[in-house]
Amino acid sequence: MRIGLLTEGGYPYATGETGLWCERLVHGLGQHQFDLYTLAGTGTPRPLPPNARVARTAGRDGLNGPDTGPARTLLERTAFGDHRTARRAYGRRDRRRFTEAFHRLAVGLCAEDAPTSAGPNTASPAPDPTDAFAEGLYALAELARERGGLPGALRSDDAVRTLEAACRAAGARRGAADAGLPDHLAFADHLERTLRPLSLDWYEEEALGAADLCHAAAGGTTALPGLLAKRFFGTPLLVTEYGVQLRSHYLSTAADRSTPLRTLLAALHGRLAAETYRQAALLTPGNAHARRWQEKCGADRARIRTVHPGMAADRFAEVGEDEESGDPATLIWVGRVEPAKDLIALLHAFAEIRARQPDTRLRIVAVPTADPGAGAYLAHCKGLAAQLFPDEAAGAHAVGENPVCFEELGGPEAPTLEDAYASGAVVVLSSIVEGFPASLVEAMFCARATVSTDVGAVVEIIGGTGLVVPPRNPRALADACLALLRDPERRYRLGAAARARALELFTVEQNLAAFRGIYLELLSHAPVRHRPGDGVPFAHPAESHVPGSWAHKAVSAGTGAPDA
């Protein structure tokens, strides 16, 4: 089976959680051929197994092409070249096609959501704005496939005027109606970057047209080429979301964006998510939290199947088999240092713990991150720790030591993750926002008892093998930690149960087994698309290759042709 794997800024050009998952998928399912299509891929790709190749890459500057590196095509030059040149490529007829298509897309974006059902006095239900958005989206894609030049047209005066008219039309969202010219210009710029995959040269018979299945490693823009492959070739689309793109967009707010602009951006990503969920043959969220987001956006429950992300458990085997290891008075926190992790509440909870059990210590092990704001937040946390816990000394001539220790993963005290988890008795997660808590699963592999805040998929992951408290509640967090620190038997019992649960549900093997079955299931329900002689068995009914009048009649009956 040939799989078109769609990624954005990840495998094979970058690491990270999504990149690691893609790498394990490609290496683990060696019986399938993977063609990698990467948006925003830069740098040197990682080594690939024999069953994978880089089919197409779109760089961050918009250039794209096959991995052989030929000269840019006319489509690429018009799609990602100078905007004025791109606009001149459109004649009067093409400009009319663009205006009509963009009008439908803009109306679908700006209109209020249609009611779920018509009222008793309503003759017919109101049109669904998602349908208008989809019609405009696919019309723009067909125009870009035939003529190119779409980015220039999306930034043109015609596009801005069409968007302004849609925002001020009857039935438009209140926030969209208040948008001014700066909002329209900023949104047109964002819209052009979001719809840039429409102008790629991936939609050819030798590219995505040759794939048996498109597998998008995320929703949003990443899944957009899969939508077009289904539109142009009927290729089934599988969407895996371990972090919901729409949720991430809602949580990322910029101070320089006005309310009308945020309304338009939310409408764009909401409509794109809804169309992706509607067209996907199957959705595989990584947890029930992501599943609820998909259902809220209109995804059909019958086409959703939760597949937990697989994590390597072997590296934690030695620590997990010795659940009684570690300092019984040490709490461990591991993760990226950022405001969403709420280390401030953790430090205040630890102050309460120290007041009731003075020998307790807290180790904060920071995972390296490229976020430029992480340093400022870490400095703030260190300052608070120094204020709450002055350096303690055993005597007048001894050097003081703080009970809170800040370390970075890879340092002398915590060279590896397993060393960090092995050093303590209880692992704490204090987040106020969380998707799939990977650090929690790692602690479970290490047979460590956990105390976590009730956010994201925490309750689903823990499943009764750890203590869960409300977020932003230092007193509850302190009480739960003390309950485990003071009860070793309960701590060991919960740790053993946590390890058994993690080994059953969250390993790489279970993840690969799930997708191995999903690939075969989707292909079995897809229409036959292979051409004769392509070497794929069972691409055509066996009766068509058996001589005899009965075989001819069977084939004729299936095609509706008259018998000879």
Protein backbone atom coordinates (compact mmCIF):
# COMPACT_ATOMS: atom_id res chain seq x y z
CA MET A 1 0.00 0.00 0.00
CA ARG A 2 1.29 3.49 -0.85
CA ILE A 3 0.68 6.01 1.96
CA GLY A 4 0.94 9.76 1.40
CA LEU A 5 2.05 10.95 4.86
CA LEU A 6 1.33 14.68 5.31
CA THR A 7 3.32 16.59 7.93
CA GLU A 8 4.05 20.23 8.71
CA GLY A 9 7.49 21.31 9.90
CA GLY A 10 8.21 17.84 11.25
CA TYR A 11 9.41 14.48 10.01
CA PRO A 12 11.81 13.98 8.33
CA TYR A 13 13.23 17.49 8.83
CA ALA A 14 12.67 18.07 12.54
CA THR A 15 12.19 16.13 15.73
CA GLY A 16 9.54 16.61 18.37
CA GLU A 17 6.60 14.52 19.51
CA THR A 18 4.93 14.45 16.07
CA GLY A 19 8.23 13.77 14.31
CA LEU A 20 9.06 10.88 16.62
CA TRP A 21 5.61 9.38 16.11
CA CYS A 22 5.98 9.60 12.31
CA GLU A 23 9.42 8.02 12.49
CA ARG A 24 8.13 5.10 14.55
CA LEU A 25 5.18 4.68 12.19
CA VAL A 26 7.34 4.56 9.07
CA HIS A 27 9.90 2.19 10.60
CA GLY A 28 7.28 -0.01 12.26
CA LEU A 29 5.05 -0.54 9.21
CA GLY A 30 7.71 -1.69 6.79
CA GLN A 31 5.22 -3.54 4.59
CA HIS A 32 3.84 -0.20 3.32
CA GLN A 33 5.49 2.41 1.10
CA PHE A 34 5.45 5.91 2.62
CA ASP A 35 5.67 9.02 0.43
CA LEU A 36 6.42 11.99 2.69
CA TYR A 37 4.80 15.34 1.87
CA THR A 38 6.11 18.02 4.21
CA LEU A 39 4.91 21.59 4.60
CA ALA A 40 7.43 24.12 5.94
CA GLY A 41 10.27 21.61 5.79
CA THR A 42 13.80 23.03 5.88
CA GLY A 43 17.26 21.64 6.42
CA THR A 44 18.62 18.16 5.80
CA PRO A 45 16.13 15.31 6.15
CA ARG A 46 16.77 12.55 8.64
CA PRO A 47 17.83 9.13 7.31
CA LEU A 48 14.85 7.20 5.98
CA PRO A 49 14.20 3.45 5.83
CA PRO A 50 13.90 1.71 2.43
CA ASN A 51 10.10 1.93 2.51
CA ALA A 52 10.02 5.76 2.72
CA ARG A 53 11.01 8.66 0.50
CA VAL A 54 10.57 12.43 0.46
CA ALA A 55 8.07 12.93 -2.35
CA ARG A 56 7.45 16.68 -2.04
CA THR A 57 8.61 19.43 0.31
CA ALA A 58 7.25 22.97 0.60
CA GLY A 59 9.83 25.21 2.29
CA ARG A 60 8.94 27.96 4.70
CA ASP A 61 9.45 30.51 1.92
CA GLY A 62 6.81 28.74 -0.13
CA LEU A 63 9.08 27.01 -2.64
CA ASN A 64 8.35 23.38 -3.27
CA GLY A 65 9.40 20.58 -5.51
CA PRO A 66 10.30 16.90 -5.57
CA ASP A 67 13.33 15.65 -3.73
CA THR A 68 15.34 15.43 -6.95
CA GLY A 69 15.66 19.19 -6.93
CA PRO A 70 14.69 20.20 -10.50
CA ALA A 71 14.17 23.77 -11.62
CA ARG A 72 11.02 25.43 -10.39
CA THR A 73 7.98 24.94 -12.56
CA LEU A 74 5.81 27.70 -13.99
CA LEU A 75 3.21 26.91 -11.33
CA GLU A 76 5.77 27.43 -8.57
CA ARG A 77 7.00 30.68 -10.07
CA THR A 78 3.51 32.10 -10.39
CA ALA A 79 2.27 30.68 -7.10
CA PHE A 80 5.14 31.80 -4.90
CA GLY A 81 6.89 34.44 -6.94
CA ASP A 82 6.24 38.17 -7.07
CA HIS A 83 2.61 38.95 -6.29
CA ARG A 84 2.29 41.46 -9.08
CA THR A 85 3.54 38.89 -11.60
CA ALA A 86 1.15 36.32 -10.18
CA ARG A 87 -1.77 38.68 -10.53
CA ARG A 88 -0.92 39.55 -14.13
CA ALA A 89 -1.15 35.83 -14.95
CA TYR A 90 -4.93 36.06 -14.52
CA GLY A 91 -6.97 37.24 -17.43
CA ARG A 92 -10.47 38.66 -17.22
CA ARG A 93 -12.13 35.23 -17.16
CA ASP A 94 -9.79 33.88 -14.49
CA ARG A 95 -10.27 36.98 -12.35
CA ARG A 96 -14.01 36.49 -12.59
CA ARG A 97 -13.60 32.84 -11.54
CA PHE A 98 -11.45 33.90 -8.61
CA THR A 99 -13.89 36.58 -7.47
CA GLU A 100 -16.84 34.21 -7.56
CA ALA A 101 -14.97 31.47 -5.69
CA PHE A 102 -13.53 33.86 -3.11
CA HIS A 103 -16.96 35.41 -2.57
CA ARG A 104 -18.43 32.01 -1.66
CA LEU A 105 -15.52 31.32 0.69
CA ALA A 106 -15.80 34.76 2.34
CA VAL A 107 -19.56 34.44 2.80
CA GLY A 108 -19.07 31.07 4.44
CA LEU A 109 -16.46 32.54 6.78
CA CYS A 110 -18.35 35.64 7.83
CA ALA A 111 -21.85 34.17 8.16
CA GLU A 112 -23.20 33.05 11.51
CA ASP A 113 -23.36 29.32 12.09
CA ALA A 114 -26.53 27.73 10.76
CA PRO A 115 -29.01 26.41 13.39
CA THR A 116 -28.93 22.69 13.98
CA SER A 117 -32.55 22.27 12.98
CA ALA A 118 -35.26 24.36 11.41
CA GLY A 119 -38.01 25.84 13.53
CA PRO A 120 -41.68 24.80 13.26
CA ASN A 121 -42.52 27.85 11.12
CA THR A 122 -39.48 27.57 8.88
CA ALA A 123 -40.16 26.38 5.35
CA SER A 124 -36.63 25.08 4.82
CA PRO A 125 -33.47 25.01 6.91
CA ALA A 126 -31.01 27.85 6.51
CA PRO A 127 -28.03 27.13 4.25
CA ASP A 128 -24.97 25.85 6.06
CA PRO A 129 -22.09 28.36 5.86
CA THR A 130 -19.66 25.42 5.95
CA ASP A 131 -21.01 24.33 2.55
CA ALA A 132 -20.39 27.79 1.08
CA PHE A 133 -16.88 27.81 2.54
CA ALA A 134 -16.16 24.36 1.08
CA GLU A 135 -17.50 25.31 -2.35
CA GLY A 136 -15.31 28.39 -2.45
CA LEU A 137 -12.28 26.48 -1.16
CA TYR A 138 -12.49 23.77 -3.82
CA ALA A 139 -13.21 26.30 -6.58
CA LEU A 140 -10.04 28.19 -5.59
CA ALA A 141 -8.12 24.91 -5.58
CA GLU A 142 -9.28 24.06 -9.10
CA LEU A 143 -8.32 27.54 -10.29
CA ALA A 144 -4.89 27.26 -8.68
CA ARG A 145 -4.37 23.82 -10.20
CA GLU A 146 -5.16 25.10 -13.68
CA ARG A 147 -3.73 28.62 -13.63
CA GLY A 148 -1.55 29.12 -10.52
CA GLY A 149 -1.07 32.60 -9.12
CA LEU A 150 -3.43 32.15 -6.18
CA PRO A 151 -1.34 33.85 -3.43
CA GLY A 152 -1.17 37.06 -5.42
CA ALA A 153 -4.90 37.01 -6.03
CA LEU A 154 -5.65 36.42 -2.35
CA ARG A 155 -3.73 39.60 -1.47
CA SER A 156 -5.26 41.65 -4.27
CA ASP A 157 -7.60 44.61 -3.95
CA ASP A 158 -10.42 42.48 -5.36
CA ALA A 159 -10.04 40.00 -2.51
CA VAL A 160 -10.02 42.71 0.15
CA ARG A 161 -13.13 44.37 -1.31
CA THR A 162 -14.92 41.01 -1.52
CA LEU A 163 -14.02 40.26 2.09
CA GLU A 164 -15.25 43.67 3.23
CA ALA A 165 -18.58 43.16 1.47
CA ALA A 166 -19.03 39.72 3.07
CA CYS A 167 -18.28 41.13 6.53
CA ARG A 168 -20.94 43.83 6.14
CA ALA A 169 -23.59 41.63 4.52
CA ALA A 170 -26.82 40.71 6.29
CA GLY A 171 -26.39 37.72 8.58
CA ALA A 172 -22.67 38.24 9.12
CA ARG A 173 -21.07 37.61 12.51
CA ARG A 174 -21.19 40.62 14.81
CA GLY A 175 -17.44 40.60 15.26
CA ALA A 176 -16.83 40.38 11.53
CA ALA A 177 -19.17 43.31 10.84
CA ASP A 178 -17.02 45.54 13.07
CA ALA A 179 -13.83 44.81 11.11
CA GLY A 180 -12.02 47.73 9.52
CA LEU A 181 -9.54 47.99 6.69
CA PRO A 182 -6.49 47.07 8.87
CA ASP A 183 -8.35 43.94 9.98
CA HIS A 184 -9.20 43.01 6.39
CA LEU A 185 -5.59 43.45 5.27
CA ALA A 186 -4.20 41.44 8.18
CA PHE A 187 -6.74 38.67 7.64
CA ALA A 188 -6.04 38.55 3.89
CA ASP A 189 -2.36 38.03 4.69
CA HIS A 190 -3.14 35.21 7.15
CA LEU A 191 -5.62 33.64 4.73
CA GLU A 192 -3.03 33.59 1.95
CA ARG A 193 -0.52 31.77 4.17
CA THR A 194 -3.15 29.31 5.38
CA LEU A 195 -4.32 28.46 1.85
CA ARG A 196 -0.83 28.30 0.35
CA PRO A 197 -1.05 24.47 -0.02
CA LEU A 198 -3.76 25.03 -2.66
CA SER A 199 -1.08 26.27 -5.07
CA LEU A 200 1.37 23.40 -4.62
CA ASP A 201 2.19 21.02 -7.47
CA TRP A 202 1.32 17.96 -5.40
CA TYR A 203 -2.02 17.26 -7.08
CA GLU A 204 -0.78 15.23 -10.03
CA GLU A 205 -1.16 11.60 -11.01
CA GLU A 206 2.48 10.86 -10.17
CA ALA A 207 2.25 12.65 -6.80
CA LEU A 208 -0.74 12.43 -4.44
CA GLY A 209 -2.74 10.88 -7.25
CA ALA A 210 -0.62 7.74 -6.90
CA ALA A 211 -1.30 7.32 -3.17
CA ASP A 212 -3.75 4.71 -1.96
CA LEU A 213 -4.33 6.66 1.26
CA CYS A 214 -3.49 10.12 2.58
CA HIS A 215 -2.55 10.20 6.26
CA ALA A 216 -2.36 13.68 7.79
CA ALA A 217 -0.32 13.89 11.00
CA ALA A 218 -2.37 16.90 12.12
CA GLY A 219 -5.47 18.85 11.21
CA GLY A 220 -5.76 22.38 9.84
CA THR A 221 -3.34 23.36 7.09
CA THR A 222 -1.53 20.02 7.29
CA ALA A 223 -4.65 18.13 6.21
CA LEU A 224 -5.48 20.56 3.38
CA PRO A 225 -3.52 18.62 0.69
CA GLY A 226 -5.41 15.50 1.79
CA LEU A 227 -8.71 17.27 1.25
CA LEU A 228 -7.68 18.20 -2.28
CA ALA A 229 -6.39 14.69 -3.01
CA LYS A 230 -9.81 13.35 -2.10
CA ARG A 231 -11.47 16.02 -4.22
CA PHE A 232 -9.33 15.41 -7.33
CA PHE A 233 -8.60 11.68 -7.09
CA GLY A 234 -11.01 10.22 -4.52
CA THR A 235 -8.11 9.27 -2.22
CA PRO A 236 -9.31 8.34 1.32
CA LEU A 237 -8.14 10.72 4.04
CA LEU A 238 -7.05 9.66 7.53
CA VAL A 239 -6.44 12.46 10.07
CA THR A 240 -4.50 11.86 13.29
CA GLU A 241 -4.64 14.61 15.91
CA TYR A 242 -2.64 14.21 19.09
CA GLY A 243 -3.00 17.94 19.68
CA VAL A 244 -6.11 19.62 18.25
CA GLN A 245 -5.00 22.43 15.92
CA LEU A 246 -8.21 24.39 16.45
CA ARG A 247 -7.76 24.30 20.22
CA SER A 248 -4.17 25.48 19.86
CA HIS A 249 -5.35 28.40 17.75
CA TYR A 250 -7.98 29.43 20.28
CA LEU A 251 -5.40 29.35 23.08
CA SER A 252 -2.82 31.40 21.17
CA THR A 253 -3.87 35.03 21.54
CA ALA A 254 -1.87 38.02 20.37
CA ALA A 255 -2.15 41.39 22.08
CA ASP A 256 -1.88 43.27 18.77
CA ARG A 257 -4.94 41.56 17.26
CA SER A 258 -8.29 43.30 17.44
CA THR A 259 -11.51 41.55 18.37
CA PRO A 260 -12.85 41.55 14.76
CA LEU A 261 -9.58 40.06 13.50
CA ARG A 262 -9.68 37.32 16.13
CA THR A 263 -13.27 36.61 15.09
CA LEU A 264 -12.28 36.18 11.46
CA LEU A 265 -9.29 33.99 12.33
CA ALA A 266 -11.40 31.77 14.58
CA ALA A 267 -14.00 31.45 11.80
CA LEU A 268 -11.34 30.45 9.25
CA HIS A 269 -9.80 27.73 11.39
CA GLY A 270 -13.20 26.55 12.58
CA ARG A 271 -14.54 26.17 9.03
CA LEU A 272 -11.38 24.41 7.88
CA ALA A 273 -11.55 21.99 10.82
CA ALA A 274 -15.23 21.28 10.17
CA GLU A 275 -14.62 20.52 6.48
CA THR A 276 -11.65 18.29 7.36
CA TYR A 277 -13.70 16.33 9.87
CA ARG A 278 -16.57 16.01 7.42
CA GLN A 279 -14.44 14.67 4.56
CA ALA A 280 -12.06 12.41 6.50
CA ALA A 281 -12.72 8.71 6.14
CA LEU A 282 -11.53 8.24 9.73
CA LEU A 283 -10.30 10.46 12.56
CA THR A 284 -7.87 9.08 15.13
CA PRO A 285 -7.55 11.44 18.10
CA GLY A 286 -4.95 10.59 20.70
CA ASN A 287 -7.30 10.86 23.66
CA ALA A 288 -10.90 11.49 24.66
CA HIS A 289 -10.20 15.19 25.23
CA ALA A 290 -9.24 15.64 21.56
CA ARG A 291 -12.18 13.46 20.56
CA ARG A 292 -14.62 15.79 22.34
CA TRP A 293 -13.17 18.75 20.44
CA GLN A 294 -13.69 16.95 17.14
CA GLU A 295 -17.27 16.02 17.98
CA LYS A 296 -17.96 19.62 19.01
CA CYS A 297 -16.78 20.72 15.57
CA GLY A 298 -19.23 18.39 13.86
CA ALA A 299 -17.24 15.18 13.41
CA ASP A 300 -19.33 12.02 13.08
CA ARG A 301 -18.85 9.72 16.08
CA ALA A 302 -18.96 6.69 13.81
CA ARG A 303 -15.81 7.90 12.04
CA ILE A 304 -13.76 8.62 15.18
CA ARG A 305 -11.47 6.07 16.77
CA THR A 306 -9.22 6.93 19.69
CA VAL A 307 -5.63 5.71 19.20
CA HIS A 308 -3.30 6.61 22.05
CA PRO A 309 0.15 7.78 20.94
CA GLY A 310 2.81 5.14 21.38
CA MET A 311 5.82 5.85 23.59
CA ALA A 312 9.03 3.88 24.01
CA ALA A 313 8.74 1.88 27.24
CA ASP A 314 11.98 -0.10 27.07
CA ARG A 315 14.16 2.77 28.28
CA PHE A 316 12.18 2.94 31.53
CA ALA A 317 12.11 -0.82 32.18
CA GLU A 318 14.97 -0.88 34.70
CA VAL A 319 13.48 1.94 36.79
CA GLY A 320 9.95 0.54 36.53
CA GLU A 321 10.96 -2.87 37.82
CA ASP A 322 12.29 -1.27 41.03
CA GLU A 323 9.32 0.77 42.21
CA GLU A 324 10.80 1.22 45.68
CA SER A 325 13.84 3.11 44.37
CA GLY A 326 14.18 6.86 44.77
CA ASP A 327 14.27 9.20 47.73
CA PRO A 328 10.97 8.75 49.63
CA ALA A 329 10.97 12.44 50.60
CA THR A 330 11.55 13.90 47.10
CA LEU A 331 8.92 15.22 44.69
CA ILE A 332 9.76 15.30 40.96
CA TRP A 333 8.45 17.65 38.28
CA VAL A 334 9.54 17.15 34.63
CA GLY A 335 8.51 19.20 31.62
CA ARG A 336 8.87 22.38 29.59
CA VAL A 337 9.06 25.49 31.74
CA GLU A 338 6.17 27.67 30.58
CA PRO A 339 3.22 29.48 32.19
CA ALA A 340 0.77 26.71 31.18
CA LYS A 341 2.61 24.33 33.55
CA ASP A 342 1.77 26.61 36.53
CA LEU A 343 4.99 26.15 38.48
CA ILE A 344 3.90 29.10 40.64
CA ALA A 345 1.05 27.04 42.11
CA LEU A 346 3.46 24.11 42.56
CA LEU A 347 5.89 26.26 44.57
CA HIS A 348 3.10 27.56 46.80
CA ALA A 349 1.88 23.99 47.30
CA PHE A 350 5.40 22.93 48.21
CA ALA A 351 5.54 25.70 50.82
CA GLU A 352 2.48 24.11 52.44
CA ILE A 353 4.13 20.67 52.22
CA ARG A 354 7.34 21.93 53.86
CA ALA A 355 5.38 23.48 56.68
CA ARG A 356 3.83 20.07 57.49
CA GLN A 357 6.78 17.82 56.56
CA PRO A 358 10.08 19.79 56.72
CA ASP A 359 12.35 17.10 55.24
CA THR A 360 10.60 17.11 51.82
CA ARG A 361 12.49 18.26 48.73
CA LEU A 362 11.36 19.30 45.24
CA ARG A 363 13.31 18.70 42.02
CA ILE A 364 12.20 20.69 38.97
CA VAL A 365 13.77 19.16 35.85
CA ALA A 366 13.32 21.39 32.81
CA VAL A 367 13.20 19.90 29.32
CA PRO A 368 15.12 22.14 26.85
CA THR A 369 12.85 24.24 24.66
CA ALA A 370 13.31 26.81 21.90
CA ASP A 371 10.62 29.11 23.33
CA PRO A 372 12.27 32.53 23.88
CA GLY A 373 9.92 33.30 26.77
CA ALA A 374 10.92 30.22 28.78
CA GLY A 375 13.98 31.92 30.27
CA ALA A 376 11.99 34.79 31.76
CA TYR A 377 9.41 32.47 33.30
CA LEU A 378 12.13 30.22 34.72
CA ALA A 379 13.87 33.24 36.27
CA HIS A 380 10.58 34.30 37.84
CA CYS A 381 10.06 30.82 39.32
CA LYS A 382 13.60 30.76 40.71
CA GLY A 383 13.06 34.15 42.32
CA LEU A 384 9.85 32.96 43.94
CA ALA A 385 11.55 29.80 45.21
CA ALA A 386 14.36 31.87 46.76
CA GLN A 387 11.76 34.07 48.45
CA LEU A 388 9.62 31.21 49.76
CA PHE A 389 12.52 28.97 50.79
CA PRO A 390 15.59 30.86 52.03
CA ASP A 391 18.76 28.78 51.91
CA GLU A 392 18.86 26.50 54.92
CA ALA A 393 22.06 25.64 56.81
CA ALA A 394 22.61 22.97 59.45
CA GLY A 395 24.80 25.29 61.53
CA ALA A 396 26.37 28.71 61.73
CA HIS A 397 29.43 27.64 59.74
CA ALA A 398 27.65 25.54 57.08
CA VAL A 399 26.61 26.59 53.57
CA GLY A 400 22.88 26.95 53.06
CA GLU A 401 20.93 24.87 50.57
CA ASN A 402 17.52 25.48 49.04
CA PRO A 403 14.99 22.60 49.22
CA VAL A 404 13.88 23.44 45.66
CA CYS A 405 16.37 22.37 42.99
CA PHE A 406 16.12 23.67 39.40
CA GLU A 407 17.91 21.47 36.84
CA GLU A 408 17.97 20.99 33.09
CA LEU A 409 17.60 17.59 31.49
CA GLY A 410 21.00 16.39 30.35
CA GLY A 411 22.88 17.97 33.25
CA PRO A 412 25.04 16.13 35.76
CA GLU A 413 22.19 15.59 38.23
CA ALA A 414 19.62 14.47 35.63
CA PRO A 415 21.42 13.18 32.51
CA THR A 416 18.39 11.22 31.26
CA LEU A 417 14.66 11.11 31.84
CA GLU A 418 14.85 7.76 33.59
CA ASP A 419 17.46 9.15 36.00
CA ALA A 420 15.18 12.08 36.80
CA TYR A 421 12.16 9.89 37.55
CA ALA A 422 14.26 7.38 39.52
CA SER A 423 15.47 10.04 41.95
CA GLY A 424 12.10 10.66 43.63
CA ALA A 425 9.09 8.91 45.03
CA VAL A 426 6.19 11.02 43.68
CA VAL A 427 5.87 12.74 40.30
CA VAL A 428 3.79 15.94 40.20
CA LEU A 429 2.00 17.58 37.27
CA SER A 430 0.61 21.05 38.04
CA SER A 431 -0.55 22.22 34.59
CA ILE A 432 -3.56 24.42 33.90
CA VAL A 433 -3.55 23.50 30.17
CA GLU A 434 -2.53 20.09 28.89
CA GLY A 435 -3.18 17.93 25.86
CA PHE A 436 -1.66 14.48 26.07
CA PRO A 437 0.59 14.50 29.18
CA ALA A 438 3.66 12.62 27.94
CA SER A 439 5.58 13.20 31.18
CA LEU A 440 2.78 11.51 33.09
CA VAL A 441 3.02 8.39 30.90
CA GLU A 442 6.80 8.33 31.38
CA ALA A 443 6.30 8.43 35.15
CA MET A 444 3.83 5.56 34.85
CA PHE A 445 6.38 3.51 32.89
CA CYS A 446 8.75 4.12 35.82
CA ALA A 447 6.14 2.81 38.31
CA ARG A 448 5.93 6.15 40.06
CA ALA A 449 2.87 7.34 41.95
CA THR A 450 1.57 10.61 40.51
CA VAL A 451 -0.33 13.68 41.63
CA SER A 452 -1.86 15.63 38.73
CA THR A 453 -4.26 18.46 38.05
CA ASP A 454 -7.52 17.64 36.30
CA VAL A 455 -6.80 19.13 32.86
CA GLY A 456 -6.79 17.78 29.31
CA ALA A 457 -6.51 14.01 29.08
CA VAL A 458 -5.04 13.52 32.57
CA VAL A 459 -7.97 11.58 34.04
CA GLU A 460 -8.16 9.37 30.95
CA ILE A 461 -4.44 8.60 31.12
CA ILE A 462 -4.31 8.00 34.87
CA GLY A 463 -7.40 5.81 35.00
CA GLY A 464 -7.46 5.60 38.81
CA THR A 465 -3.74 4.84 39.23
CA GLY A 466 -2.88 8.27 40.64
CA LEU A 467 -4.33 11.20 42.56
CA VAL A 468 -6.03 14.04 40.66
CA VAL A 469 -6.80 17.50 42.08
CA PRO A 470 -8.38 20.67 40.64
CA PRO A 471 -6.01 23.04 38.81
CA ARG A 472 -4.86 26.29 40.48
CA ASN A 473 -5.47 24.82 43.93
CA PRO A 474 -2.15 24.68 45.85
CA ARG A 475 -3.80 23.43 49.05
CA ALA A 476 -5.37 20.41 47.30
CA LEU A 477 -2.08 19.71 45.51
CA ALA A 478 -0.21 19.78 48.82
CA ASP A 479 -2.71 17.50 50.56
CA ALA A 480 -2.47 14.89 47.77
CA CYS A 481 1.34 14.93 47.76
CA LEU A 482 1.49 14.54 51.55
CA ALA A 483 -0.98 11.65 51.42
CA LEU A 484 1.41 9.69 49.17
CA LEU A 485 4.60 10.75 50.91
CA ARG A 486 3.24 9.50 54.24
CA ASP A 487 1.88 6.19 52.92
CA PRO A 488 4.63 4.12 51.21
CA GLU A 489 2.45 1.04 50.70
CA ARG A 490 -0.20 3.05 48.88
CA ARG A 491 2.51 4.76 46.85
CA TYR A 492 4.02 1.45 45.71
CA ARG A 493 0.58 0.00 44.95
CA LEU A 494 -0.43 2.95 42.75
CA GLY A 495 2.94 2.95 41.00
CA ALA A 496 2.68 -0.74 40.10
CA ALA A 497 -0.87 -0.26 38.79
CA ALA A 498 0.23 2.78 36.78
CA ARG A 499 3.05 0.84 35.11
CA ALA A 500 0.72 -2.03 34.19
CA ARG A 501 -1.78 0.41 32.66
CA ALA A 502 0.90 2.25 30.67
CA LEU A 503 2.36 -0.98 29.28
CA GLU A 504 -1.10 -2.04 28.15
CA LEU A 505 -2.27 1.19 26.50
CA PHE A 506 0.57 3.56 25.65
CA THR A 507 3.36 1.57 23.99
CA VAL A 508 4.65 1.89 20.45
CA GLU A 509 3.52 -1.66 19.71
CA GLN A 510 -0.15 -0.97 20.43
CA ASN A 511 -0.02 2.19 18.33
CA LEU A 512 1.48 0.37 15.34
CA ALA A 513 -0.99 -2.48 15.65
CA ALA A 514 -3.88 -0.01 15.59
CA PHE A 515 -2.71 1.77 12.43
CA ARG A 516 -1.81 -1.50 10.72
CA GLY A 517 -5.46 -2.52 11.01
CA ILE A 518 -6.80 0.95 10.15
CA TYR A 519 -4.82 1.12 6.90
CA LEU A 520 -6.17 -2.23 5.71
CA GLU A 521 -9.70 -1.34 6.79
CA LEU A 522 -9.75 1.98 4.92
CA LEU A 523 -8.27 0.46 1.77
CA SER A 524 -10.82 -2.36 1.81
CA HIS A 525 -13.68 0.17 1.73
CA ALA A 526 -12.10 2.49 -0.84
CA PRO A 527 -13.02 2.32 -4.55
CA VAL A 528 -10.56 0.52 -6.82
CA ARG A 529 -8.18 3.14 -8.21
CA HIS A 530 -5.18 1.13 -9.46
CA ARG A 531 -4.47 0.86 -13.14
CA PRO A 532 -3.96 -2.59 -14.72
CA GLY A 533 -0.43 -3.89 -14.52
CA ASP A 534 0.66 -1.90 -11.50
CA GLY A 535 1.52 -5.06 -9.60
CA VAL A 536 -1.07 -4.64 -6.83
CA PRO A 537 -3.01 -7.88 -6.24
CA PHE A 538 -6.81 -7.88 -6.24
CA ALA A 539 -7.01 -4.46 -7.87
CA HIS A 540 -9.72 -5.88 -10.15
CA PRO A 541 -12.35 -8.57 -9.62
CA ALA A 542 -10.94 -12.05 -10.15
CA GLU A 543 -13.85 -12.93 -12.47
CA SER A 544 -12.61 -10.45 -15.07
CA HIS A 545 -9.47 -12.56 -15.62
CA VAL A 546 -11.17 -15.98 -15.84
CA PRO A 547 -12.12 -17.16 -19.37
CA GLY A 548 -15.62 -18.39 -19.97
CA SER A 549 -19.07 -17.08 -20.75
CA TRP A 550 -20.19 -17.04 -17.09
CA ALA A 551 -17.30 -14.70 -16.18
CA HIS A 552 -18.18 -12.38 -19.05
CA LYS A 553 -21.81 -12.26 -17.87
CA ALA A 554 -20.74 -11.52 -14.29
CA VAL A 555 -18.54 -8.64 -15.37
CA SER A 556 -21.19 -7.31 -17.74
CA ALA A 557 -23.80 -7.42 -14.99
CA GLY A 558 -21.50 -5.51 -12.65
CA THR A 559 -20.83 -2.78 -15.22
CA GLY A 560 -24.31 -2.58 -16.67
CA ALA A 561 -23.10 -3.57 -20.16
CA PRO A 562 -25.35 -5.82 -22.33
CA ASP A 563 -24.42 -9.48 -22.62
CA ALA A 564 -22.75 -10.64 -25.82
